[in-house]
Every structure is written in C-alpha cells, then in structure tokens.
N, C-alpha and C. Protein backbone atom coordinates (compact mmCIF):
# COMPACT_ATOMS: atom_id res chain seq x y z
N UNK A 1 -5.79 14.09 -6.63
CA UNK A 1 -7.00 13.39 -7.03
C UNK A 1 -8.23 14.19 -6.58
N UNK A 2 -8.17 14.77 -5.36
CA UNK A 2 -9.30 15.57 -4.86
C UNK A 2 -9.57 16.73 -5.79
N UNK A 3 -8.52 17.44 -6.22
CA UNK A 3 -8.70 18.56 -7.14
C UNK A 3 -9.30 18.11 -8.46
N UNK A 4 -8.89 16.95 -8.92
CA UNK A 4 -9.44 16.39 -10.16
C UNK A 4 -10.93 16.14 -10.02
N UNK A 5 -11.34 15.60 -8.87
CA UNK A 5 -12.77 15.35 -8.64
C UNK A 5 -13.55 16.65 -8.55
N UNK A 6 -13.00 17.62 -7.82
CA UNK A 6 -13.69 18.92 -7.70
C UNK A 6 -13.81 19.59 -9.06
N UNK A 7 -12.72 19.57 -9.82
CA UNK A 7 -12.70 20.20 -11.14
C UNK A 7 -13.79 19.63 -12.05
N UNK A 8 -14.08 18.36 -11.88
CA UNK A 8 -15.07 17.70 -12.73
C UNK A 8 -16.43 17.54 -12.06
N UNK A 9 -16.65 18.28 -10.97
CA UNK A 9 -17.92 18.29 -10.26
C UNK A 9 -18.37 16.91 -9.78
N UNK A 10 -17.43 16.10 -9.34
CA UNK A 10 -17.76 14.79 -8.79
C UNK A 10 -18.05 14.98 -7.30
N UNK A 11 -19.17 14.50 -6.86
CA UNK A 11 -19.51 14.58 -5.44
C UNK A 11 -19.18 13.25 -4.78
N UNK A 12 -19.42 13.18 -3.51
CA UNK A 12 -19.18 11.91 -2.78
C UNK A 12 -20.46 11.11 -2.65
N UNK A 13 -21.46 11.41 -3.46
CA UNK A 13 -22.75 10.75 -3.35
C UNK A 13 -22.91 9.60 -4.33
N UNK A 14 -21.81 9.00 -4.76
CA UNK A 14 -21.92 7.82 -5.60
C UNK A 14 -21.82 8.08 -7.08
N UNK A 15 -21.39 9.28 -7.48
CA UNK A 15 -21.22 9.54 -8.91
C UNK A 15 -20.19 8.58 -9.48
N UNK A 16 -20.42 8.13 -10.69
CA UNK A 16 -19.50 7.21 -11.36
C UNK A 16 -18.43 8.03 -12.07
N UNK A 17 -17.19 7.61 -11.90
CA UNK A 17 -16.10 8.29 -12.59
C UNK A 17 -16.16 7.96 -14.08
N UNK A 18 -16.07 8.99 -14.88
CA UNK A 18 -16.08 8.78 -16.33
C UNK A 18 -14.72 8.25 -16.78
N UNK A 19 -14.68 7.72 -17.98
CA UNK A 19 -13.41 7.27 -18.54
C UNK A 19 -12.45 8.44 -18.66
N UNK A 20 -12.98 9.60 -18.99
CA UNK A 20 -12.14 10.79 -19.13
C UNK A 20 -11.44 11.13 -17.81
N UNK A 21 -12.15 11.06 -16.70
CA UNK A 21 -11.55 11.36 -15.40
C UNK A 21 -10.55 10.27 -15.02
N UNK A 22 -10.89 9.02 -15.28
CA UNK A 22 -9.96 7.93 -15.01
C UNK A 22 -8.69 8.08 -15.82
N UNK A 23 -8.83 8.46 -17.09
CA UNK A 23 -7.65 8.68 -17.95
C UNK A 23 -6.79 9.82 -17.42
N UNK A 24 -7.44 10.88 -16.97
CA UNK A 24 -6.69 12.03 -16.44
C UNK A 24 -5.96 11.64 -15.15
N UNK A 25 -6.61 10.88 -14.29
CA UNK A 25 -5.96 10.40 -13.06
C UNK A 25 -4.77 9.51 -13.41
N UNK A 26 -4.95 8.62 -14.37
CA UNK A 26 -3.85 7.76 -14.81
C UNK A 26 -2.67 8.58 -15.30
N UNK A 27 -2.95 9.61 -16.08
CA UNK A 27 -1.87 10.46 -16.60
C UNK A 27 -1.12 11.16 -15.46
N UNK A 28 -1.84 11.54 -14.40
CA UNK A 28 -1.18 12.14 -13.25
C UNK A 28 -0.27 11.14 -12.56
N UNK A 29 -0.74 9.89 -12.40
CA UNK A 29 0.11 8.86 -11.81
C UNK A 29 1.33 8.59 -12.70
N UNK A 30 1.11 8.55 -13.99
CA UNK A 30 2.20 8.31 -14.94
C UNK A 30 3.27 9.40 -14.82
N UNK A 31 2.86 10.64 -14.66
CA UNK A 31 3.80 11.76 -14.55
C UNK A 31 4.59 11.71 -13.24
N UNK A 32 4.00 11.18 -12.18
CA UNK A 32 4.65 11.14 -10.86
C UNK A 32 5.40 9.83 -10.61
N UNK A 33 5.27 8.87 -11.49
CA UNK A 33 5.84 7.54 -11.28
C UNK A 33 7.36 7.57 -11.27
N UNK A 34 7.96 6.89 -10.30
CA UNK A 34 9.41 6.74 -10.22
C UNK A 34 9.79 5.51 -11.04
N UNK A 35 10.29 5.73 -12.24
CA UNK A 35 10.59 4.61 -13.15
C UNK A 35 11.74 3.74 -12.67
N UNK A 36 12.62 4.30 -11.87
CA UNK A 36 13.76 3.52 -11.39
C UNK A 36 13.39 2.61 -10.21
N UNK A 37 12.63 3.14 -9.24
CA UNK A 37 12.36 2.40 -8.02
C UNK A 37 10.88 2.07 -7.79
N UNK A 38 10.03 2.53 -8.65
CA UNK A 38 8.61 2.32 -8.43
C UNK A 38 8.07 3.31 -7.41
N UNK A 39 6.78 3.28 -7.23
CA UNK A 39 6.14 4.23 -6.33
C UNK A 39 6.01 5.59 -7.00
N UNK A 40 5.62 6.57 -6.21
CA UNK A 40 5.33 7.88 -6.77
C UNK A 40 6.04 8.96 -5.96
N UNK A 41 6.70 9.85 -6.65
CA UNK A 41 7.38 10.95 -6.00
C UNK A 41 8.72 10.55 -5.40
N UNK A 42 9.21 11.41 -4.54
CA UNK A 42 10.51 11.25 -3.91
C UNK A 42 10.34 10.94 -2.42
N UNK A 43 11.45 10.87 -1.72
CA UNK A 43 11.44 10.56 -0.29
C UNK A 43 10.84 11.72 0.51
N UNK A 44 10.17 11.41 1.60
CA UNK A 44 9.81 10.07 2.05
C UNK A 44 8.78 9.47 1.10
N UNK A 45 8.88 8.16 0.94
CA UNK A 45 8.03 7.48 -0.04
C UNK A 45 7.11 6.50 0.69
N UNK A 46 5.82 6.69 0.48
CA UNK A 46 4.80 5.84 1.10
C UNK A 46 4.34 4.78 0.10
N UNK A 47 3.97 3.59 0.57
CA UNK A 47 3.51 2.53 -0.34
C UNK A 47 2.28 2.91 -1.16
N UNK A 48 1.34 3.62 -0.59
CA UNK A 48 0.13 4.08 -1.29
C UNK A 48 -0.60 2.97 -2.04
N UNK A 49 -1.00 1.90 -1.34
CA UNK A 49 -1.67 0.79 -2.02
C UNK A 49 -2.96 1.18 -2.71
N UNK A 50 -3.64 2.22 -2.23
CA UNK A 50 -4.88 2.66 -2.89
C UNK A 50 -4.58 3.13 -4.32
N UNK A 51 -3.41 3.70 -4.54
CA UNK A 51 -3.04 4.11 -5.89
C UNK A 51 -2.75 2.90 -6.77
N UNK A 52 -2.13 1.89 -6.18
CA UNK A 52 -1.85 0.67 -6.93
C UNK A 52 -3.15 -0.06 -7.27
N UNK A 53 -4.09 -0.06 -6.34
CA UNK A 53 -5.40 -0.68 -6.62
C UNK A 53 -6.11 0.06 -7.75
N UNK A 54 -5.99 1.39 -7.78
CA UNK A 54 -6.55 2.14 -8.91
C UNK A 54 -5.90 1.68 -10.22
N UNK A 55 -4.57 1.54 -10.22
CA UNK A 55 -3.87 1.14 -11.44
C UNK A 55 -4.31 -0.25 -11.91
N UNK A 56 -4.54 -1.16 -10.97
CA UNK A 56 -5.03 -2.48 -11.36
C UNK A 56 -6.42 -2.38 -11.99
N UNK A 57 -7.29 -1.59 -11.40
CA UNK A 57 -8.64 -1.43 -11.95
C UNK A 57 -8.58 -0.73 -13.31
N UNK A 58 -7.71 0.25 -13.40
CA UNK A 58 -7.55 0.95 -14.67
C UNK A 58 -7.06 -0.02 -15.75
N UNK A 59 -6.08 -0.84 -15.39
CA UNK A 59 -5.57 -1.83 -16.35
C UNK A 59 -6.68 -2.79 -16.79
N UNK A 60 -7.49 -3.25 -15.83
CA UNK A 60 -8.59 -4.17 -16.18
C UNK A 60 -9.56 -3.51 -17.15
N UNK A 61 -9.77 -2.22 -16.96
CA UNK A 61 -10.74 -1.50 -17.78
C UNK A 61 -10.20 -1.15 -19.16
N UNK A 62 -8.89 -0.81 -19.25
CA UNK A 62 -8.33 -0.29 -20.49
C UNK A 62 -7.29 -1.19 -21.14
N UNK A 63 -6.73 -2.12 -20.36
CA UNK A 63 -5.62 -2.98 -20.79
C UNK A 63 -4.38 -2.15 -21.15
N UNK A 64 -4.28 -0.97 -20.57
CA UNK A 64 -3.11 -0.11 -20.75
C UNK A 64 -1.94 -0.72 -19.98
N UNK A 65 -0.98 -1.29 -20.69
CA UNK A 65 0.11 -2.05 -20.07
C UNK A 65 0.90 -1.24 -19.04
N UNK A 66 1.03 0.06 -19.28
CA UNK A 66 1.83 0.89 -18.37
C UNK A 66 1.21 0.90 -16.97
N UNK A 67 -0.09 0.81 -16.86
CA UNK A 67 -0.74 0.78 -15.54
C UNK A 67 -0.31 -0.45 -14.76
N UNK A 68 -0.32 -1.59 -15.42
CA UNK A 68 0.11 -2.83 -14.77
C UNK A 68 1.60 -2.80 -14.46
N UNK A 69 2.40 -2.30 -15.37
CA UNK A 69 3.84 -2.23 -15.15
C UNK A 69 4.19 -1.33 -13.96
N UNK A 70 3.51 -0.19 -13.83
CA UNK A 70 3.77 0.71 -12.70
C UNK A 70 3.43 0.04 -11.38
N UNK A 71 2.29 -0.62 -11.33
CA UNK A 71 1.87 -1.28 -10.09
C UNK A 71 2.82 -2.42 -9.73
N UNK A 72 3.18 -3.23 -10.72
CA UNK A 72 4.09 -4.35 -10.45
C UNK A 72 5.48 -3.87 -10.03
N UNK A 73 6.01 -2.86 -10.71
CA UNK A 73 7.33 -2.32 -10.36
C UNK A 73 7.32 -1.83 -8.91
N UNK A 74 6.26 -1.18 -8.51
CA UNK A 74 6.15 -0.67 -7.15
C UNK A 74 6.10 -1.81 -6.14
N UNK A 75 5.25 -2.79 -6.39
CA UNK A 75 5.13 -3.92 -5.46
C UNK A 75 6.43 -4.72 -5.36
N UNK A 76 7.09 -4.93 -6.49
CA UNK A 76 8.34 -5.68 -6.48
C UNK A 76 9.44 -4.92 -5.74
N UNK A 77 9.53 -3.63 -5.97
CA UNK A 77 10.56 -2.82 -5.30
C UNK A 77 10.32 -2.74 -3.80
N UNK A 78 9.06 -2.60 -3.40
CA UNK A 78 8.76 -2.55 -1.97
C UNK A 78 9.11 -3.87 -1.30
N UNK A 79 8.76 -4.97 -1.93
CA UNK A 79 9.05 -6.29 -1.36
C UNK A 79 10.55 -6.51 -1.23
N UNK A 80 11.31 -6.08 -2.20
CA UNK A 80 12.77 -6.31 -2.20
C UNK A 80 13.50 -5.35 -1.27
N UNK A 81 12.88 -4.25 -0.92
CA UNK A 81 13.57 -3.23 -0.13
C UNK A 81 13.41 -3.39 1.37
N UNK A 82 13.95 -2.44 2.08
CA UNK A 82 13.91 -2.46 3.53
C UNK A 82 12.57 -2.10 4.13
N UNK A 83 11.67 -1.57 3.33
CA UNK A 83 10.34 -1.24 3.84
C UNK A 83 9.57 -2.51 4.21
N UNK A 84 9.93 -3.63 3.56
CA UNK A 84 9.35 -4.93 3.89
C UNK A 84 10.33 -5.64 4.82
N UNK A 85 9.85 -6.00 5.99
CA UNK A 85 10.71 -6.67 6.96
C UNK A 85 10.93 -8.10 6.50
N UNK A 86 12.11 -8.39 5.99
CA UNK A 86 12.40 -9.65 5.33
C UNK A 86 12.40 -10.85 6.28
N UNK A 87 12.63 -10.63 7.57
CA UNK A 87 12.70 -11.73 8.53
C UNK A 87 11.35 -11.98 9.20
N UNK A 88 10.77 -10.93 9.75
CA UNK A 88 9.51 -11.08 10.48
C UNK A 88 8.28 -10.69 9.69
N UNK A 89 8.50 -10.15 8.50
CA UNK A 89 7.44 -9.77 7.56
C UNK A 89 6.70 -8.51 8.00
N UNK A 90 5.74 -8.11 7.24
CA UNK A 90 5.02 -6.87 7.47
C UNK A 90 5.76 -5.70 6.82
N UNK A 91 5.00 -4.65 6.52
CA UNK A 91 5.55 -3.46 5.88
C UNK A 91 5.65 -2.31 6.87
N UNK A 92 6.80 -1.64 6.83
CA UNK A 92 6.96 -0.42 7.60
C UNK A 92 6.13 0.68 6.94
N UNK A 93 5.86 1.71 7.70
CA UNK A 93 4.95 2.77 7.28
C UNK A 93 5.39 3.46 5.99
N UNK A 94 6.67 3.79 5.89
CA UNK A 94 7.18 4.44 4.69
C UNK A 94 8.69 4.30 4.65
N UNK A 95 9.25 4.65 3.51
CA UNK A 95 10.70 4.64 3.32
C UNK A 95 11.20 6.07 3.43
N UNK A 96 12.31 6.24 4.13
CA UNK A 96 12.89 7.57 4.27
C UNK A 96 13.73 7.95 3.05
N UNK A 97 13.94 7.00 2.15
CA UNK A 97 14.70 7.26 0.93
C UNK A 97 13.83 6.91 -0.29
N UNK A 98 14.33 7.23 -1.45
CA UNK A 98 13.59 7.01 -2.68
C UNK A 98 13.56 5.54 -3.11
N UNK A 99 14.56 4.74 -2.70
CA UNK A 99 14.72 3.38 -3.19
C UNK A 99 14.07 2.32 -2.30
N UNK A 100 13.26 2.72 -1.35
CA UNK A 100 12.56 1.80 -0.45
C UNK A 100 13.50 1.06 0.51
N UNK A 101 14.71 1.52 0.72
CA UNK A 101 15.68 0.78 1.52
C UNK A 101 15.62 1.13 3.00
N UNK A 102 15.54 2.39 3.35
CA UNK A 102 15.60 2.82 4.74
C UNK A 102 14.20 3.09 5.29
N UNK A 103 13.66 2.15 6.07
CA UNK A 103 12.29 2.31 6.56
C UNK A 103 12.19 3.24 7.76
N UNK A 104 11.03 3.82 7.92
CA UNK A 104 10.66 4.45 9.18
C UNK A 104 10.08 3.30 10.00
N UNK A 105 10.65 3.03 11.16
CA UNK A 105 10.33 1.83 11.92
C UNK A 105 9.00 1.96 12.66
N UNK A 106 7.96 1.90 11.90
CA UNK A 106 6.59 1.96 12.41
C UNK A 106 5.77 1.11 11.46
N UNK A 107 4.85 0.34 12.00
CA UNK A 107 3.98 -0.48 11.15
C UNK A 107 2.54 -0.20 11.56
N UNK A 108 1.71 0.03 10.56
CA UNK A 108 0.31 0.35 10.79
C UNK A 108 -0.56 -0.81 10.30
N UNK A 109 -1.58 -1.14 11.09
CA UNK A 109 -2.48 -2.23 10.72
C UNK A 109 -3.17 -1.96 9.40
N UNK A 110 -3.64 -0.74 9.20
CA UNK A 110 -4.37 -0.45 7.97
C UNK A 110 -3.46 -0.55 6.74
N UNK A 111 -2.17 -0.22 6.89
CA UNK A 111 -1.25 -0.41 5.77
C UNK A 111 -1.13 -1.89 5.41
N UNK A 112 -1.03 -2.73 6.44
CA UNK A 112 -0.91 -4.17 6.19
C UNK A 112 -2.13 -4.66 5.41
N UNK A 113 -3.32 -4.24 5.84
CA UNK A 113 -4.56 -4.68 5.19
C UNK A 113 -4.62 -4.24 3.72
N UNK A 114 -4.30 -2.98 3.47
CA UNK A 114 -4.37 -2.47 2.10
C UNK A 114 -3.29 -3.07 1.21
N UNK A 115 -2.11 -3.31 1.78
CA UNK A 115 -1.05 -3.94 1.00
C UNK A 115 -1.38 -5.39 0.68
N UNK A 116 -2.00 -6.10 1.62
CA UNK A 116 -2.45 -7.46 1.33
C UNK A 116 -3.42 -7.43 0.15
N UNK A 117 -4.34 -6.48 0.14
CA UNK A 117 -5.28 -6.37 -0.97
C UNK A 117 -4.54 -6.13 -2.29
N UNK A 118 -3.55 -5.24 -2.28
CA UNK A 118 -2.81 -4.94 -3.51
C UNK A 118 -2.01 -6.14 -4.00
N UNK A 119 -1.35 -6.84 -3.08
CA UNK A 119 -0.56 -8.02 -3.49
C UNK A 119 -1.47 -9.14 -3.99
N UNK A 120 -2.62 -9.32 -3.35
CA UNK A 120 -3.54 -10.36 -3.82
C UNK A 120 -4.12 -10.01 -5.19
N UNK A 121 -4.41 -8.75 -5.40
CA UNK A 121 -4.90 -8.31 -6.71
C UNK A 121 -3.84 -8.58 -7.77
N UNK A 122 -2.58 -8.28 -7.45
CA UNK A 122 -1.49 -8.53 -8.39
C UNK A 122 -1.39 -10.03 -8.68
N UNK A 123 -1.54 -10.86 -7.66
CA UNK A 123 -1.49 -12.31 -7.86
C UNK A 123 -2.63 -12.77 -8.76
N UNK A 124 -3.84 -12.26 -8.53
CA UNK A 124 -4.99 -12.66 -9.34
C UNK A 124 -4.80 -12.26 -10.80
N UNK A 125 -4.20 -11.12 -11.04
CA UNK A 125 -4.01 -10.64 -12.41
C UNK A 125 -2.88 -11.39 -13.11
N UNK A 126 -1.76 -11.56 -12.40
CA UNK A 126 -0.55 -12.08 -13.06
C UNK A 126 -0.29 -13.56 -12.82
N UNK A 127 -0.82 -14.10 -11.73
CA UNK A 127 -0.52 -15.48 -11.37
C UNK A 127 0.87 -15.66 -10.79
N UNK A 128 1.58 -14.56 -10.52
CA UNK A 128 2.95 -14.64 -9.99
C UNK A 128 2.89 -14.97 -8.50
N UNK A 129 3.49 -16.10 -8.16
CA UNK A 129 3.43 -16.64 -6.80
C UNK A 129 4.00 -15.68 -5.75
N UNK A 130 4.99 -14.87 -6.11
CA UNK A 130 5.62 -13.98 -5.13
C UNK A 130 4.59 -13.02 -4.51
N UNK A 131 3.58 -12.64 -5.27
CA UNK A 131 2.56 -11.73 -4.74
C UNK A 131 1.69 -12.44 -3.71
N UNK A 132 1.31 -13.66 -4.00
CA UNK A 132 0.54 -14.45 -3.03
C UNK A 132 1.38 -14.70 -1.78
N UNK A 133 2.63 -15.05 -1.97
CA UNK A 133 3.54 -15.31 -0.85
C UNK A 133 3.67 -14.07 0.04
N UNK A 134 3.81 -12.92 -0.57
CA UNK A 134 3.93 -11.68 0.20
C UNK A 134 2.67 -11.42 1.02
N UNK A 135 1.52 -11.59 0.40
CA UNK A 135 0.25 -11.38 1.12
C UNK A 135 0.15 -12.34 2.31
N UNK A 136 0.50 -13.58 2.11
CA UNK A 136 0.47 -14.56 3.21
C UNK A 136 1.43 -14.19 4.33
N UNK A 137 2.62 -13.74 3.96
CA UNK A 137 3.60 -13.36 4.97
C UNK A 137 3.11 -12.15 5.79
N UNK A 138 2.50 -11.20 5.13
CA UNK A 138 1.97 -10.04 5.84
C UNK A 138 0.86 -10.48 6.80
N UNK A 139 -0.02 -11.36 6.33
CA UNK A 139 -1.09 -11.85 7.21
C UNK A 139 -0.52 -12.65 8.38
N UNK A 140 0.53 -13.43 8.13
CA UNK A 140 1.20 -14.15 9.23
C UNK A 140 1.74 -13.17 10.26
N UNK A 141 2.36 -12.10 9.79
CA UNK A 141 2.88 -11.07 10.69
C UNK A 141 1.75 -10.45 11.52
N UNK A 142 0.65 -10.10 10.88
CA UNK A 142 -0.47 -9.47 11.59
C UNK A 142 -1.01 -10.40 12.66
N UNK A 143 -1.22 -11.65 12.33
CA UNK A 143 -1.74 -12.62 13.30
C UNK A 143 -0.75 -12.81 14.45
N UNK A 144 0.52 -12.92 14.13
CA UNK A 144 1.53 -13.19 15.15
C UNK A 144 1.84 -11.97 16.02
N UNK A 145 2.03 -10.81 15.40
CA UNK A 145 2.55 -9.65 16.14
C UNK A 145 1.55 -8.53 16.39
N UNK A 146 0.46 -8.50 15.66
CA UNK A 146 -0.48 -7.40 15.84
C UNK A 146 -1.80 -7.85 16.45
N UNK A 147 -1.88 -9.11 16.84
CA UNK A 147 -3.09 -9.62 17.50
C UNK A 147 -2.97 -9.43 19.00
N UNK A 148 -4.03 -8.97 19.58
CA UNK A 148 -4.08 -8.73 21.01
C UNK A 148 -4.65 -9.94 21.75
N UNK A 149 -4.18 -10.22 22.95
CA UNK A 149 -4.77 -11.31 23.74
C UNK A 149 -6.25 -11.07 24.05
N UNK A 150 -6.68 -9.81 23.98
CA UNK A 150 -8.08 -9.47 24.24
C UNK A 150 -8.99 -9.81 23.07
N UNK A 151 -8.42 -10.20 21.93
CA UNK A 151 -9.23 -10.59 20.79
C UNK A 151 -9.27 -9.60 19.65
N UNK A 152 -8.63 -8.48 19.81
CA UNK A 152 -8.60 -7.49 18.74
C UNK A 152 -7.24 -7.45 18.09
N UNK A 153 -6.95 -6.33 17.47
CA UNK A 153 -5.66 -6.15 16.81
C UNK A 153 -5.05 -4.84 17.28
N UNK A 154 -3.73 -4.83 17.38
CA UNK A 154 -3.02 -3.58 17.64
C UNK A 154 -3.13 -2.72 16.39
N UNK A 155 -3.32 -1.45 16.56
CA UNK A 155 -3.45 -0.58 15.40
C UNK A 155 -2.09 -0.19 14.83
N UNK A 156 -1.03 -0.32 15.65
CA UNK A 156 0.29 0.07 15.17
C UNK A 156 1.39 -0.51 16.03
N UNK A 157 2.54 -0.65 15.42
CA UNK A 157 3.79 -0.79 16.16
C UNK A 157 4.50 0.53 15.92
N UNK A 158 4.59 1.32 16.94
CA UNK A 158 5.09 2.68 16.80
C UNK A 158 6.61 2.71 16.75
N UNK A 159 7.15 3.68 16.01
CA UNK A 159 8.59 3.83 15.94
C UNK A 159 9.14 4.31 17.28
N UNK A 160 8.41 5.13 17.97
CA UNK A 160 8.83 5.61 19.28
C UNK A 160 7.59 6.05 20.04
N UNK A 161 7.27 5.31 21.09
CA UNK A 161 6.08 5.62 21.87
C UNK A 161 6.41 5.52 23.35
N UNK A 162 6.10 6.56 24.07
CA UNK A 162 6.36 6.59 25.51
C UNK A 162 7.81 6.22 25.81
N UNK A 163 8.72 6.70 24.95
CA UNK A 163 10.13 6.46 25.14
C UNK A 163 10.60 5.06 24.77
N UNK A 164 9.74 4.25 24.19
CA UNK A 164 10.10 2.87 23.85
C UNK A 164 9.98 2.66 22.35
N UNK A 165 11.08 2.25 21.72
CA UNK A 165 11.10 1.98 20.29
C UNK A 165 10.30 0.71 19.98
N UNK A 166 9.40 0.77 19.02
CA UNK A 166 8.68 -0.42 18.57
C UNK A 166 7.55 -0.87 19.48
N UNK A 167 7.08 -0.01 20.37
CA UNK A 167 6.00 -0.39 21.28
C UNK A 167 4.70 -0.61 20.51
N UNK A 168 3.98 -1.64 20.88
CA UNK A 168 2.68 -1.89 20.25
C UNK A 168 1.63 -1.00 20.90
N UNK A 169 0.82 -0.42 20.07
CA UNK A 169 -0.24 0.47 20.53
C UNK A 169 -1.56 -0.24 20.34
N UNK A 170 -2.36 -0.32 21.39
CA UNK A 170 -3.63 -1.03 21.32
C UNK A 170 -4.74 -0.08 21.75
N UNK A 171 -5.72 0.09 20.91
CA UNK A 171 -6.88 0.89 21.23
C UNK A 171 -8.08 -0.04 21.30
N UNK A 172 -8.68 -0.16 22.44
CA UNK A 172 -9.76 -1.11 22.63
C UNK A 172 -10.99 -0.79 21.78
N UNK A 173 -11.09 0.41 21.31
CA UNK A 173 -12.26 0.78 20.52
C UNK A 173 -12.09 0.46 19.04
N UNK A 174 -10.91 0.00 18.63
CA UNK A 174 -10.66 -0.24 17.21
C UNK A 174 -10.36 -1.68 16.90
N UNK A 175 -10.75 -2.10 15.72
CA UNK A 175 -10.33 -3.34 15.10
C UNK A 175 -10.70 -4.60 15.86
N UNK A 176 -11.82 -4.63 16.51
CA UNK A 176 -12.26 -5.87 17.17
C UNK A 176 -13.01 -6.74 16.19
N UNK A 177 -12.90 -8.03 16.38
CA UNK A 177 -13.62 -8.97 15.52
C UNK A 177 -15.08 -9.03 15.91
C-alpha cells in the first residue's frame, strides 16, 4: 500500500485517495486473498483488521460484492479458528498456519480494539448477529483480563515474557482512561 501511495504521489498531509487508487488497492487485496480460509497471504497469517476496514469502506463506495465477501470470509474464518479463544474470548496475535487454527499465544490490546471495530462494521453492514456477539465477547475479554487495577489496560498478554508463558505486560504510560 505504501508503494501504491508513493507511486501516485500521495502525501500524508490529508490528500484524498482517488477512486483509481482505491480500485488499484482493492485489486492488490483481491490478488492476495486466500479464497479457502480468508485473510491475505500464507502463514504466519495476521488478522489485519485495517485491511478489512478498507474493504468495508470500498464496498460502501462501490458496492463491489467481492470486497464484502472477502471481509466476511476473513472474519468468519478467524472467529471459527484457533486464533479466537473460544472459551475466554479475545484474539491471539496471529495464526502460525494458513487456516487460522494454530495461534501464536500472545494477545495485543490494539488488535482487540481494531478487531472490535471490524466486527462491528460487519454487523452494521450485514445485520448478522454473530459479528455483534464477537465484538461483545472481545470487549468482555478486554475488561476482564486486560484491565489493570490501576485503572488502565495491559498492552499485551505475551506468549513468553520473563520466562513466564502468558504474562500480562503493563506499561503505565499507555492506555490510561
């Protein structure tokens, strides 16, 4: 995407993306889309909610059905796979396989926030309750497991930190209300 912006002389000073650039970005996503499991590319596979949010906006602008189908396939596959913790909720950082089954056991606060946005956007567009349910479950997880007694939020549950699997990492300078 960065190369696409540079190629078209887009700066970071608020230039509006043209339809031509949006179409080209969409075509790049279409070429990288995993039609079997959703998401983009091969393992390790990251949720990339910012890409899904682009697809939702692109769909709203163009009504190109493939944009909505790619985003929904990705969200559905992530929810059904091991990257989504089915018991305690929340999304692991990424999947070590292509099918979203084997998670890397780390959870990041910013991933939870962006995925909540993507699932809520999907719910608003489609009205499918599973998207709203997923967003609520992720928020429940964040409140329950990523909230600090000091009033902030843990930035991560690390896969391995200081020799301890799943340790919560808290940075006092981040994520305070």
